[in-house]
Amino acid sequence: MATLVQPTHPQIAVSAAIFRDGKVLLTRRARSPAKGFYSLPGGRVEFGESLHQAVKREVDEETGLAIEIVSLAGWREVLPAAPGAGHYLILSFAARWLAREPTLNDELDDFRWIAPDTLGSLSDLKLTGGLEEIVQSAARLIGP
């Protein structure tokens, strides 16, 4: 019988609040962690990769979009909720859409461009914890 291997240290991840025409891109996770929840595209930083390189790579892999990174918008820590679950430090960046239309990989199953000021009233969407605060911070960095 196989046993779950508990991660021994936190992992660094990145995400991007991507803005286009005053709206931010939300993507729905197709698998764990956070399956069925809308969040920002992103993922783990690979060894030797800068944070900006990781953001651009993850956004390209998950959505096919080309982006311009503006600045760090905030961070969130996700602690293990169950044995074998991961411990993540997620650094979220404000970014502008540059080119291409979203083409989702198998990690995601839906996307929506949403006005940032409507996030609090979207009761039909399951959002990851802290998403609204990160998006609002990123929106301030992007400006009008």
Protein backbone atom coordinates (compact mmCIF):
# COMPACT_ATOMS: atom_id res chain seq x y z
CA MET A 1 0.00 0.00 0.00
CA ALA A 2 1.45 3.35 -1.05
CA THR A 3 1.69 6.11 1.50
CA LEU A 4 1.28 9.80 0.86
CA VAL A 5 4.56 11.68 0.90
CA GLN A 6 4.19 14.86 2.91
CA PRO A 7 5.95 17.82 1.23
CA THR A 8 8.88 18.87 3.40
CA HIS A 9 8.98 22.57 2.51
CA PRO A 10 6.82 25.35 1.07
CA GLN A 11 6.76 25.75 -2.69
CA ILE A 12 6.90 29.08 -4.49
CA ALA A 13 4.20 29.76 -7.07
CA VAL A 14 3.23 32.76 -9.18
CA SER A 15 0.03 34.03 -10.74
CA ALA A 16 -1.02 36.91 -12.98
CA ALA A 17 -3.98 39.27 -12.76
CA ILE A 18 -4.15 39.99 -16.50
CA PHE A 19 -6.12 43.09 -17.54
CA ARG A 20 -7.64 43.74 -20.94
CA ASP A 21 -10.11 46.54 -21.73
CA GLY A 22 -10.76 47.13 -18.01
CA LYS A 23 -11.48 43.46 -17.24
CA VAL A 24 -9.40 40.79 -15.51
CA LEU A 25 -9.01 37.20 -16.68
CA LEU A 26 -10.28 34.52 -14.30
CA THR A 27 -9.67 30.85 -15.07
CA ARG A 28 -11.37 27.79 -13.56
CA ARG A 29 -9.15 24.98 -12.29
CA ALA A 30 -9.94 21.62 -13.96
CA ARG A 31 -8.10 19.58 -11.33
CA SER A 32 -6.72 19.77 -7.81
CA PRO A 33 -5.65 21.87 -6.09
CA ALA A 34 -8.73 24.12 -6.15
CA LYS A 35 -10.65 22.09 -8.75
CA GLY A 36 -13.80 23.98 -9.81
CA PHE A 37 -12.63 27.31 -8.39
CA TYR A 38 -11.95 30.42 -10.44
CA SER A 39 -8.55 31.97 -9.87
CA LEU A 40 -5.68 33.59 -11.74
CA PRO A 41 -3.53 31.63 -14.17
CA GLY A 42 -0.22 30.57 -12.68
CA GLY A 43 1.79 27.79 -11.13
CA ARG A 44 5.06 26.74 -9.55
CA VAL A 45 8.36 28.48 -10.08
CA GLU A 46 10.98 26.13 -11.51
CA PHE A 47 14.49 25.96 -10.05
CA GLY A 48 16.72 28.70 -11.52
CA GLU A 49 13.79 30.58 -13.05
CA SER A 50 13.11 34.23 -12.18
CA LEU A 51 9.65 35.14 -10.93
CA HIS A 52 8.91 37.13 -14.11
CA GLN A 53 10.05 34.23 -16.29
CA ALA A 54 7.80 31.88 -14.31
CA VAL A 55 4.77 34.17 -14.65
CA LYS A 56 5.19 34.52 -18.42
CA ARG A 57 5.81 30.78 -18.86
CA GLU A 58 2.83 29.73 -16.74
CA VAL A 59 0.48 32.20 -18.44
CA ASP A 60 1.66 31.03 -21.86
CA GLU A 61 1.32 27.33 -20.92
CA GLU A 62 -2.12 27.70 -19.35
CA THR A 63 -3.74 30.33 -21.59
CA GLY A 64 -1.50 31.01 -24.60
CA LEU A 65 -1.58 34.76 -23.84
CA ALA A 66 1.31 37.17 -24.24
CA ILE A 67 1.49 39.60 -21.32
CA GLU A 68 3.43 42.56 -19.97
CA ILE A 69 4.16 42.32 -16.25
CA VAL A 70 3.59 45.60 -14.39
CA SER A 71 4.43 44.86 -10.76
CA LEU A 72 3.93 42.56 -7.79
CA ALA A 73 0.31 42.97 -6.66
CA GLY A 74 0.43 40.88 -3.50
CA TRP A 75 0.98 37.44 -2.06
CA ARG A 76 -0.99 34.67 -0.42
CA GLU A 77 0.07 31.69 1.64
CA VAL A 78 -1.80 28.41 1.27
CA LEU A 79 -1.15 26.04 4.16
CA PRO A 80 -1.68 22.28 3.88
CA ALA A 81 -5.31 21.49 4.70
CA ALA A 82 -4.82 17.71 4.79
CA PRO A 83 -1.97 15.21 4.98
CA GLY A 84 -0.03 15.23 1.72
CA ALA A 85 -1.41 18.62 0.68
CA GLY A 86 0.97 21.31 -0.47
CA HIS A 87 2.18 24.44 1.29
CA TYR A 88 2.45 27.29 -1.23
CA LEU A 89 3.59 30.88 -1.19
CA ILE A 90 1.88 32.48 -4.19
CA LEU A 91 3.25 35.77 -5.54
CA SER A 92 0.64 37.49 -7.72
CA PHE A 93 1.57 40.03 -10.37
CA ALA A 94 -0.45 42.72 -12.15
CA ALA A 95 -0.13 42.32 -15.92
CA ARG A 96 -1.49 43.74 -19.16
CA TRP A 97 -2.73 41.60 -22.05
CA LEU A 98 -0.58 42.07 -25.15
CA ALA A 99 -1.67 39.49 -27.71
CA ARG A 100 -3.55 36.29 -28.59
CA GLU A 101 -6.84 34.91 -27.36
CA PRO A 102 -7.11 32.46 -24.44
CA THR A 103 -6.45 28.84 -25.39
CA LEU A 104 -6.69 26.77 -22.21
CA ASN A 105 -4.53 23.75 -21.45
CA ASP A 106 -5.82 20.69 -19.58
CA GLU A 107 -5.28 22.32 -16.17
CA LEU A 108 -8.14 24.76 -16.85
CA ASP A 109 -11.67 24.26 -18.16
CA ASP A 110 -13.19 27.75 -18.38
CA PHE A 111 -12.23 31.42 -18.48
CA ARG A 112 -14.03 34.71 -18.08
CA TRP A 113 -13.04 38.35 -18.47
CA ILE A 114 -14.65 40.07 -15.46
CA ALA A 115 -14.86 43.68 -14.31
CA PRO A 116 -12.80 43.82 -11.09
CA ASP A 117 -15.43 45.80 -9.19
CA THR A 118 -18.02 43.02 -9.71
CA LEU A 119 -16.02 40.21 -8.08
CA GLY A 120 -17.72 40.66 -4.71
CA SER A 121 -21.17 40.18 -6.24
CA LEU A 122 -20.43 37.03 -8.25
CA SER A 123 -22.23 34.52 -6.05
CA ASP A 124 -22.48 32.01 -8.93
CA LEU A 125 -18.68 31.61 -9.16
CA LYS A 126 -16.50 29.82 -6.62
CA LEU A 127 -13.42 32.01 -6.12
CA THR A 128 -10.15 31.02 -4.48
CA GLY A 129 -9.43 32.64 -1.13
CA GLY A 130 -7.99 36.14 -1.28
CA LEU A 131 -8.67 36.50 -5.01
CA GLU A 132 -10.76 39.66 -4.72
CA GLU A 133 -8.07 41.48 -2.69
CA ILE A 134 -5.29 40.53 -5.12
CA VAL A 135 -7.36 41.63 -8.13
CA GLN A 136 -8.20 44.97 -6.49
CA SER A 137 -4.53 45.56 -5.67
CA ALA A 138 -3.54 44.66 -9.24
CA ALA A 139 -6.25 46.96 -10.66
CA ARG A 140 -4.79 49.89 -8.72
CA LEU A 141 -1.36 49.14 -10.22
CA ILE A 142 -2.74 48.92 -13.75
CA GLY A 143 -4.71 52.16 -13.43
CA PRO A 144 -7.49 53.41 -15.70
